[in-house]
Amino acid sequence: MPPLSATRLLTEWTWSTGGVLLAVALTAGYLALVVRARRRGVHWPWTRVALFLVLGIGVLIYATCGPVGAYRTTFMFMFAVQVVLVGTIVPVGVALGDPMRLFTAAAGHDHTWLHRGLRSRVAKIVLHPAVSAVLDISGIMLVFFTGYGVAATRSGIVEGLLLVHLVTIGVAFGVPLLVEELLPRWATPPVRIMLAFFDGLIDAVPGIVVFTRSYLLMPTFPGFGPAAAAARDGLSPMQDQRFAGGALLLATELIGVPVLGAVFMEWLRSDAVETREVDARLDEQEAARRAVGASQVGESGEPDDEPWWVSDPRLSDRFRR
């Protein structure tokens, strides 16, 4: 590779079979669900589609086929940037596309194989915030503290496996934060904001650990060889490793702010939906009272003034929470 410069961060592109195949698979699956949902009469918001394509697929292509992907085998810090983009930004883009609600809208019900799988005990354990956060962190640590990362820079097959792995563990944590049905009942919107905040703190651990190591974590990294000396322009392997730790730390902390914003916007959306349900239910109750008179008499002959949020079995548990 030629020496890295500011212009090459925009102009240097490469081909990544794993990245392209993953991008095509995600895009085709998502758009197929959008088409199916629209055929059922569900007008899926184009803002969701745009977020999925730009933050999800666009960042995936940039991280694998763009300058980050082009220099991933030359500089360890570029490899670290790719890992954090694919493992954090891409899952956020996928989550903002709201794939679970889209799948439900496309199927027309919530009794599909996917819904049954997500309601299973194994899925509930994996998607629990504590478990998914540990999986997310350990998955990134595994890349730098084993031969996994080096193998991904030397083999296209391992690179594809790494990309799928990073997106999967990122989605396992990111999507439940934005989909109320995938988390336990105690994970209310304020709790999910707190979880996203603590996730931003925990995500800093891999960057700090990589930055503070006094030995090379990936001594056989391709960029440390003599063939890349001209492109590295005197950058030592240890300096490169510290830059990699700094890149992991900076990227995860910068990404934490949009994630918090996305969870907060989902809270506002959920609150707006709940408000409309309450208003509609109150309108129905008022219309029923006007139809039968000023008061409703129960079987005992006494006026039945029990409020609907207690008497309605569909909503009582929800509103008590």
Protein backbone atom coordinates (compact mmCIF):
# COMPACT_ATOMS: atom_id res chain seq x y z
CA MET A 1 0.00 0.00 0.00
CA PRO A 2 1.15 3.59 -0.59
CA PRO A 3 1.80 5.81 2.46
CA LEU A 4 -1.36 6.88 4.29
CA SER A 5 -2.55 10.44 3.72
CA ALA A 6 -5.70 12.48 4.24
CA THR A 7 -6.76 12.19 0.60
CA ARG A 8 -6.29 8.41 0.61
CA LEU A 9 -8.81 8.19 3.45
CA LEU A 10 -11.39 8.99 0.77
CA THR A 11 -9.89 7.65 -2.45
CA GLU A 12 -8.24 4.34 -1.52
CA TRP A 13 -10.72 1.52 -2.00
CA THR A 14 -10.41 -2.25 -2.21
CA TRP A 15 -12.53 -5.36 -2.67
CA SER A 16 -13.72 -7.43 0.27
CA THR A 17 -15.68 -10.54 -0.66
CA GLY A 18 -16.85 -11.10 2.90
CA GLY A 19 -17.93 -7.49 3.34
CA VAL A 20 -19.81 -7.36 0.03
CA LEU A 21 -21.57 -10.69 0.58
CA LEU A 22 -22.65 -9.68 4.08
CA ALA A 23 -23.88 -6.29 2.85
CA VAL A 24 -25.83 -7.87 -0.01
CA ALA A 25 -27.39 -10.48 2.29
CA LEU A 26 -28.49 -7.90 4.88
CA THR A 27 -29.82 -5.48 2.24
CA ALA A 28 -31.69 -8.12 0.26
CA GLY A 29 -33.30 -9.56 3.39
CA TYR A 30 -34.34 -6.18 4.74
CA LEU A 31 -35.76 -4.86 1.45
CA ALA A 32 -37.62 -8.14 0.87
CA LEU A 33 -39.32 -7.68 4.24
CA VAL A 34 -40.17 -4.07 3.37
CA VAL A 35 -41.80 -5.16 0.09
CA ARG A 36 -43.73 -7.93 1.84
CA ALA A 37 -44.92 -5.55 4.55
CA ARG A 38 -46.12 -3.02 1.99
CA ARG A 39 -48.06 -5.75 0.20
CA ARG A 40 -49.87 -6.35 3.48
CA GLY A 41 -50.78 -2.67 3.62
CA VAL A 42 -48.11 -1.61 6.11
CA HIS A 43 -46.45 1.62 4.99
CA TRP A 44 -42.99 1.10 6.46
CA PRO A 45 -41.26 4.45 7.19
CA TRP A 46 -38.57 5.32 4.67
CA THR A 47 -36.58 6.94 7.45
CA ARG A 48 -36.07 3.47 8.91
CA VAL A 49 -34.92 2.19 5.54
CA ALA A 50 -32.53 5.14 5.14
CA LEU A 51 -31.00 4.61 8.60
CA PHE A 52 -30.53 0.92 7.87
CA LEU A 53 -28.89 1.55 4.51
CA VAL A 54 -26.70 4.50 5.53
CA LEU A 55 -25.59 3.68 9.09
CA GLY A 56 -25.76 -0.07 8.65
CA ILE A 57 -24.85 -1.07 5.10
CA GLY A 58 -22.99 2.13 4.17
CA VAL A 59 -20.67 1.92 7.18
CA LEU A 60 -20.15 -1.80 6.55
CA ILE A 61 -19.04 -1.13 2.97
CA TYR A 62 -16.76 1.73 4.06
CA ALA A 63 -15.17 -0.39 6.79
CA THR A 64 -14.52 -3.38 4.54
CA CYS A 65 -14.08 -1.98 1.01
CA GLY A 66 -13.16 1.64 1.77
CA PRO A 67 -9.87 3.10 3.02
CA VAL A 68 -10.28 1.39 6.40
CA GLY A 69 -10.48 -1.97 4.68
CA ALA A 70 -7.66 -1.10 2.29
CA TYR A 71 -5.20 -0.33 5.11
CA ARG A 72 -6.45 -2.93 7.62
CA THR A 73 -3.44 -5.21 6.95
CA THR A 74 -0.92 -2.34 6.93
CA PHE A 75 -1.77 -0.55 10.18
CA MET A 76 -3.02 -2.23 13.30
CA PHE A 77 -4.95 0.89 14.28
CA MET A 78 -6.85 0.70 10.97
CA PHE A 79 -7.70 -2.90 11.74
CA ALA A 80 -8.96 -1.75 15.16
CA VAL A 81 -11.10 0.96 13.53
CA GLN A 82 -12.63 -1.67 11.26
CA VAL A 83 -13.42 -3.90 14.22
CA VAL A 84 -15.15 -1.12 16.15
CA LEU A 85 -17.08 0.14 13.11
CA VAL A 86 -18.39 -3.30 12.18
CA GLY A 87 -18.98 -4.36 15.77
CA THR A 88 -20.65 -1.15 16.98
CA ILE A 89 -21.81 1.29 14.29
CA VAL A 90 -23.19 -1.29 11.86
CA PRO A 91 -25.33 -3.01 14.55
CA VAL A 92 -26.71 0.39 15.59
CA GLY A 93 -27.70 1.04 11.97
CA VAL A 94 -29.34 -2.37 11.77
CA ALA A 95 -31.17 -1.75 15.06
CA LEU A 96 -32.41 1.66 13.90
CA GLY A 97 -33.93 -0.10 10.91
CA ASP A 98 -36.22 -1.83 13.46
CA PRO A 99 -35.90 -5.32 11.92
CA MET A 100 -38.08 -7.07 14.52
CA ARG A 101 -41.15 -4.88 13.97
CA LEU A 102 -40.55 -5.10 10.22
CA PHE A 103 -40.45 -8.89 10.39
CA THR A 104 -43.70 -8.89 12.37
CA ALA A 105 -45.32 -6.51 9.88
CA ALA A 106 -44.18 -8.66 6.94
CA ALA A 107 -45.45 -11.87 8.55
CA GLY A 108 -48.71 -10.36 9.74
CA HIS A 109 -48.46 -11.97 13.19
CA ASP A 110 -45.99 -12.59 15.98
CA HIS A 111 -46.08 -16.40 16.03
CA THR A 112 -43.35 -17.07 13.47
CA TRP A 113 -40.29 -19.27 13.99
CA LEU A 114 -38.25 -16.16 14.77
CA HIS A 115 -40.62 -14.97 17.47
CA ARG A 116 -40.76 -18.46 18.99
CA GLY A 117 -36.97 -18.61 18.99
CA LEU A 118 -36.64 -15.21 20.66
CA ARG A 119 -39.09 -16.27 23.35
CA SER A 120 -37.07 -19.39 24.16
CA ARG A 121 -35.09 -19.65 27.38
CA VAL A 122 -31.74 -19.69 25.54
CA ALA A 123 -32.57 -16.50 23.65
CA LYS A 124 -33.71 -14.76 26.83
CA ILE A 125 -30.41 -15.64 28.49
CA VAL A 126 -28.30 -14.48 25.54
CA LEU A 127 -30.29 -11.25 25.08
CA HIS A 128 -30.19 -10.38 28.78
CA PRO A 129 -28.36 -7.02 29.04
CA ALA A 130 -25.65 -8.38 31.35
CA VAL A 131 -24.96 -11.43 29.18
CA SER A 132 -25.04 -9.60 25.83
CA ALA A 133 -22.73 -6.87 27.16
CA VAL A 134 -20.19 -9.48 28.27
CA LEU A 135 -20.44 -11.23 24.89
CA ASP A 136 -19.93 -7.92 23.13
CA ILE A 137 -16.78 -7.04 25.10
CA SER A 138 -15.31 -10.54 25.07
CA GLY A 139 -15.87 -10.80 21.33
CA ILE A 140 -13.70 -7.73 20.71
CA MET A 141 -11.08 -8.85 23.23
CA LEU A 142 -10.91 -12.21 21.49
CA VAL A 143 -9.82 -10.52 18.26
CA PHE A 144 -6.73 -8.91 19.78
CA PHE A 145 -5.68 -11.39 22.46
CA THR A 146 -5.76 -14.56 20.35
CA GLY A 147 -4.65 -15.46 16.85
CA TYR A 148 -8.16 -14.69 15.60
CA GLY A 149 -7.35 -11.16 14.45
CA VAL A 150 -4.15 -12.09 12.62
CA ALA A 151 -5.93 -14.98 10.89
CA ALA A 152 -8.63 -12.56 9.72
CA THR A 153 -5.97 -10.37 8.05
CA ARG A 154 -4.48 -13.34 6.18
CA SER A 155 -7.57 -15.33 5.16
CA GLY A 156 -10.66 -14.10 3.36
CA ILE A 157 -12.76 -16.87 4.89
CA VAL A 158 -11.73 -15.97 8.44
CA GLU A 159 -12.33 -12.30 7.60
CA GLY A 160 -15.90 -13.13 6.58
CA LEU A 161 -16.41 -15.11 9.78
CA LEU A 162 -15.06 -12.19 11.79
CA LEU A 163 -17.46 -9.74 10.12
CA VAL A 164 -20.47 -11.98 10.78
CA HIS A 165 -19.29 -12.51 14.35
CA LEU A 166 -18.88 -8.79 15.06
CA VAL A 167 -22.25 -7.85 13.55
CA THR A 168 -24.01 -10.67 15.39
CA ILE A 169 -22.69 -9.83 18.86
CA GLY A 170 -23.31 -6.13 18.22
CA VAL A 171 -26.90 -6.76 17.13
CA ALA A 172 -27.46 -9.05 20.14
CA PHE A 173 -26.86 -6.04 22.38
CA GLY A 174 -28.00 -3.13 20.19
CA VAL A 175 -31.37 -4.37 18.90
CA PRO A 176 -32.86 -5.26 22.34
CA LEU A 177 -32.08 -1.74 23.57
CA LEU A 178 -34.35 -0.37 20.85
CA VAL A 179 -37.01 -3.11 20.90
CA GLU A 180 -39.01 -3.28 24.12
CA GLU A 181 -40.30 -6.82 23.54
CA LEU A 182 -36.80 -8.38 23.55
CA LEU A 183 -35.87 -7.28 27.08
CA PRO A 184 -37.28 -8.27 30.49
CA ARG A 185 -40.27 -6.31 31.81
CA TRP A 186 -38.10 -4.38 34.23
CA ALA A 187 -36.11 -2.90 31.30
CA THR A 188 -38.26 0.21 30.91
CA PRO A 189 -37.06 3.06 28.64
CA PRO A 190 -35.18 4.82 31.47
CA VAL A 191 -33.50 1.55 32.37
CA ARG A 192 -32.49 1.01 28.74
CA ILE A 193 -30.90 4.47 28.67
CA MET A 194 -28.95 3.55 31.79
CA LEU A 195 -27.87 0.28 30.15
CA ALA A 196 -26.70 2.14 27.05
CA PHE A 197 -24.75 4.56 29.25
CA PHE A 198 -23.00 1.75 31.13
CA ASP A 199 -22.35 -0.06 27.86
CA GLY A 200 -20.45 3.01 26.67
CA LEU A 201 -18.29 2.80 29.80
CA ILE A 202 -17.73 -0.95 29.49
CA ASP A 203 -16.87 -0.67 25.78
CA ALA A 204 -13.84 1.38 26.80
CA VAL A 205 -12.23 -1.68 28.43
CA PRO A 206 -10.77 -3.25 25.24
CA GLY A 207 -9.25 0.07 24.17
CA ILE A 208 -7.68 0.67 27.58
CA VAL A 209 -6.28 -2.87 27.76
CA VAL A 210 -4.81 -2.73 24.23
CA PHE A 211 -3.36 0.74 24.85
CA THR A 212 -1.64 -0.18 28.13
CA ARG A 213 -0.05 -3.49 27.07
CA SER A 214 3.76 -3.37 27.16
CA TYR A 215 4.16 -6.24 24.69
CA LEU A 216 2.86 -6.86 21.18
CA LEU A 217 -0.54 -8.50 21.16
CA MET A 218 -0.33 -9.39 17.46
CA PRO A 219 3.41 -9.89 16.74
CA THR A 220 2.72 -11.59 13.38
CA PHE A 221 0.44 -8.81 12.13
CA PRO A 222 1.15 -8.37 8.37
CA GLY A 223 1.87 -4.66 8.72
CA PHE A 224 4.75 -5.33 11.11
CA GLY A 225 6.73 -7.09 8.37
CA PRO A 226 9.41 -5.47 6.18
CA ALA A 227 7.12 -5.42 3.13
CA ALA A 228 4.96 -2.69 4.73
CA ALA A 229 7.86 -0.55 5.99
CA ALA A 230 7.57 2.02 3.20
CA ALA A 231 3.85 2.57 3.78
CA ARG A 232 4.25 2.78 7.56
CA ASP A 233 6.81 5.61 7.29
CA GLY A 234 8.73 4.68 10.45
CA LEU A 235 5.73 3.88 12.65
CA SER A 236 6.90 1.22 15.12
CA PRO A 237 4.73 -1.79 15.97
CA MET A 238 4.38 -0.69 19.60
CA GLN A 239 3.29 2.81 18.58
CA ASP A 240 0.85 1.27 16.13
CA GLN A 241 -0.59 -0.89 18.90
CA ARG A 242 -1.05 2.12 21.16
CA PHE A 243 -2.78 3.96 18.32
CA ALA A 244 -5.03 0.89 17.94
CA GLY A 245 -5.97 1.05 21.62
CA GLY A 246 -6.61 4.77 21.33
CA ALA A 247 -8.76 4.21 18.23
CA LEU A 248 -10.83 1.59 20.05
CA LEU A 249 -11.26 3.87 23.05
CA LEU A 250 -12.10 7.01 21.08
CA ALA A 251 -14.47 5.31 18.66
CA THR A 252 -16.49 3.51 21.34
CA GLU A 253 -16.89 6.67 23.42
CA LEU A 254 -17.91 8.77 20.41
CA ILE A 255 -20.37 6.10 19.33
CA GLY A 256 -21.94 5.99 22.80
CA VAL A 257 -23.55 9.41 22.32
CA PRO A 258 -25.58 8.50 19.20
CA VAL A 259 -26.57 5.21 20.82
CA LEU A 260 -27.94 7.07 23.83
CA GLY A 261 -29.75 9.42 21.45
CA ALA A 262 -31.25 6.49 19.53
CA VAL A 263 -32.50 4.85 22.74
CA PHE A 264 -33.96 8.18 23.89
CA MET A 265 -35.76 8.67 20.55
CA GLU A 266 -37.14 5.14 20.83
CA TRP A 267 -38.41 6.06 24.30
CA LEU A 268 -40.24 9.09 22.84
CA ARG A 269 -41.70 6.94 20.06
CA SER A 270 -42.88 4.28 22.51
CA ASP A 271 -44.38 6.93 24.77
CA ALA A 272 -46.23 8.48 21.83
CA VAL A 273 -47.67 5.09 20.83
CA GLU A 274 -48.78 4.41 24.39
CA THR A 275 -50.36 7.85 24.63
CA ARG A 276 -52.39 7.22 21.48
CA GLU A 277 -53.58 3.89 22.88
CA VAL A 278 -54.65 5.56 26.11
CA ASP A 279 -56.46 8.34 24.25
CA ALA A 280 -58.25 5.85 22.00
CA ARG A 281 -59.32 3.76 24.98
CA LEU A 282 -60.60 6.83 26.83
CA ASP A 283 -62.54 7.91 23.74
CA GLU A 284 -64.14 4.45 23.52
CA GLN A 285 -65.08 4.56 27.18
CA GLU A 286 -66.58 8.03 26.88
CA ALA A 287 -68.57 7.01 23.81
CA ALA A 288 -69.90 3.92 25.62
CA ARG A 289 -70.95 5.97 28.64
CA ARG A 290 -72.78 8.46 26.47
CA ALA A 291 -74.57 5.60 24.74
CA VAL A 292 -75.89 3.97 27.90
CA GLY A 293 -76.38 7.07 29.98
CA ALA A 294 -74.63 8.93 32.70
CA SER A 295 -73.78 5.81 34.73
CA GLN A 296 -73.28 2.10 34.16
CA VAL A 297 -74.83 -0.36 36.56
CA GLY A 298 -73.03 -3.60 37.34
CA GLU A 299 -74.59 -6.96 38.12
CA SER A 300 -74.83 -6.09 41.82
CA GLY A 301 -76.95 -3.10 41.03
CA GLU A 302 -74.31 -0.66 42.21
CA PRO A 303 -72.67 1.87 39.92
CA ASP A 304 -69.58 0.39 38.32
CA ASP A 305 -66.96 3.13 38.55
CA GLU A 306 -63.93 0.85 38.23
CA PRO A 307 -61.50 2.56 35.81
CA TRP A 308 -60.73 0.84 32.54
CA TRP A 309 -56.99 0.49 33.28
CA VAL A 310 -57.94 -1.84 36.12
CA SER A 311 -60.89 -3.64 34.55
CA ASP A 312 -59.42 -4.20 31.05
CA PRO A 313 -57.38 -7.47 31.19
CA ARG A 314 -55.36 -6.46 28.12
CA LEU A 315 -53.88 -3.34 29.64
CA SER A 316 -54.04 -3.67 33.42
CA ASP A 317 -50.62 -5.32 33.87
CA ARG A 318 -48.98 -2.91 31.51
CA PHE A 319 -50.30 0.21 33.24
CA ARG A 320 -49.60 -1.10 36.72
CA ARG A 321 -45.96 -1.41 35.67
